[in-house]
Amino acid sequence: MMKLVVAIIKPFKLDDVRSALSEAGIQGMTVTEVKGFGRQKGHTELYRGAEYVIDFLPKVKLEVAVEDSMLDQVVETVSSAAMTGKVGDGKLFVYNIEQIIRIRTGEKDADAI
């Protein structure tokens, strides 16, 4: 079985997380710039004397496909590398993957990671 680990993290923590995952032996990942909010619920900013509500905060979405045997290590690696200890550190989601296929070679599942 394989898992997809999706992490929503603060943008400035991306390099730390990427480096930590590389050191853990993870070879590939997908990164997307996203916006969102959780309990943080955005914040207000003052611009030229007017107050604006910023509902959606910039985040980075990181996706990593791993074999079950690597799941705990990847979750711990991402959690510790992304943590600042402040509100808005993000979330980790773990999904089951039914199948992976490498388009170029036709390799499947763990061979395609």
Protein backbone atom coordinates (compact mmCIF):
# COMPACT_ATOMS: atom_id res chain seq x y z
CA MET A 1 0.00 0.00 0.00
CA MET A 2 1.07 3.58 -0.61
CA LYS A 3 0.11 6.88 0.95
CA LEU A 4 -0.10 10.47 -0.22
CA VAL A 5 1.04 12.91 2.43
CA VAL A 6 -0.31 16.42 1.86
CA ALA A 7 1.11 19.19 4.00
CA ILE A 8 -0.14 22.77 4.17
CA ILE A 9 2.73 24.83 5.59
CA LYS A 10 4.01 28.39 5.93
CA PRO A 11 5.83 29.42 2.73
CA PHE A 12 9.10 30.35 4.45
CA LYS A 13 9.38 26.79 5.85
CA LEU A 14 9.40 25.14 2.41
CA ASP A 15 13.19 25.00 2.04
CA ASP A 16 13.58 23.49 5.51
CA VAL A 17 10.96 20.82 4.78
CA ARG A 18 12.37 20.04 1.33
CA SER A 19 15.90 19.66 2.73
CA ALA A 20 14.72 17.46 5.59
CA LEU A 21 12.75 15.21 3.22
CA SER A 22 15.73 14.92 0.86
CA GLU A 23 17.92 13.87 3.79
CA ALA A 24 15.28 11.26 4.70
CA GLY A 25 15.58 9.77 1.20
CA ILE A 26 12.46 11.24 -0.39
CA GLN A 27 13.21 11.86 -4.06
CA GLY A 28 10.11 13.60 -5.36
CA MET A 29 7.41 16.00 -4.27
CA THR A 30 4.91 18.42 -5.73
CA VAL A 31 4.65 21.96 -4.42
CA THR A 32 1.79 24.37 -5.04
CA GLU A 33 1.31 27.93 -3.80
CA VAL A 34 -2.13 28.13 -2.21
CA LYS A 35 -4.19 30.45 -0.01
CA GLY A 36 -6.41 29.50 2.86
CA PHE A 37 -7.28 29.87 6.50
CA GLY A 38 -8.06 27.68 9.46
CA ARG A 39 -8.48 28.73 13.05
CA GLN A 40 -6.22 31.68 12.24
CA LYS A 41 -9.11 33.22 10.26
CA GLY A 42 -6.91 35.75 8.49
CA HIS A 43 -5.95 39.13 9.89
CA THR A 44 -6.33 42.85 9.25
CA GLU A 45 -3.72 45.11 7.66
CA LEU A 46 -3.45 48.85 7.48
CA TYR A 47 -2.70 50.26 4.01
CA ARG A 48 -2.63 54.00 3.32
CA GLY A 49 -4.78 54.69 6.33
CA ALA A 50 -7.49 52.14 5.48
CA GLU A 51 -7.92 48.81 7.23
CA TYR A 52 -8.26 45.70 5.06
CA VAL A 53 -9.27 42.22 6.12
CA ILE A 54 -7.00 39.57 4.67
CA ASP A 55 -9.22 36.47 4.69
CA PHE A 56 -6.88 34.05 2.95
CA LEU A 57 -3.28 33.66 3.98
CA PRO A 58 -0.51 32.48 1.63
CA LYS A 59 0.50 28.87 2.26
CA VAL A 60 2.39 26.14 0.44
CA LYS A 61 0.85 22.77 -0.33
CA LEU A 62 3.38 19.96 -0.47
CA GLU A 63 2.44 16.50 -1.77
CA VAL A 64 4.62 13.43 -1.30
CA ALA A 65 3.80 9.86 -2.35
CA VAL A 66 5.42 7.24 -0.09
CA GLU A 67 5.30 3.55 0.68
CA ASP A 68 3.58 2.64 3.95
CA SER A 69 6.95 1.78 5.50
CA MET A 70 8.09 5.43 5.10
CA LEU A 71 4.87 7.07 6.30
CA ASP A 72 5.75 7.66 9.96
CA GLN A 73 9.20 9.00 9.08
CA VAL A 74 7.79 11.41 6.48
CA VAL A 75 5.05 12.67 8.82
CA GLU A 76 7.60 13.25 11.61
CA THR A 77 10.10 14.88 9.24
CA VAL A 78 7.54 17.31 7.79
CA SER A 79 6.03 18.08 11.19
CA SER A 80 9.33 18.92 12.85
CA ALA A 81 10.76 20.86 9.88
CA ALA A 82 7.59 22.94 9.38
CA MET A 83 6.92 23.75 13.03
CA THR A 84 7.42 27.27 14.31
CA GLY A 85 5.28 26.83 17.42
CA LYS A 86 3.01 29.67 16.35
CA VAL A 87 -0.57 29.73 15.08
CA GLY A 88 -0.83 28.84 11.40
CA ASP A 89 1.92 26.20 11.23
CA GLY A 90 -0.42 24.14 9.05
CA LYS A 91 -1.85 20.66 8.71
CA LEU A 92 -0.88 17.22 7.44
CA PHE A 93 -3.32 14.97 5.63
CA VAL A 94 -2.65 11.31 4.78
CA TYR A 95 -4.55 9.61 1.95
CA ASN A 96 -4.50 6.07 0.61
CA ILE A 97 -3.24 5.78 -2.97
CA GLU A 98 -4.80 3.07 -5.10
CA GLN A 99 -2.33 3.18 -7.95
CA ILE A 100 0.62 5.15 -9.31
CA ILE A 101 1.79 4.90 -12.91
CA ARG A 102 4.94 6.51 -14.31
CA ILE A 103 3.82 7.79 -17.71
CA ARG A 104 7.20 7.50 -19.43
CA THR A 105 7.93 3.86 -18.55
CA GLY A 106 4.61 2.37 -17.48
CA GLU A 107 6.10 1.40 -14.10
CA LYS A 108 3.47 0.98 -11.43
CA ASP A 109 3.03 1.61 -7.74
CA ALA A 110 6.22 1.58 -5.62
CA ASP A 111 8.39 1.31 -8.74
CA ALA A 112 6.77 4.50 -10.06
CA ILE A 113 7.44 6.61 -6.97
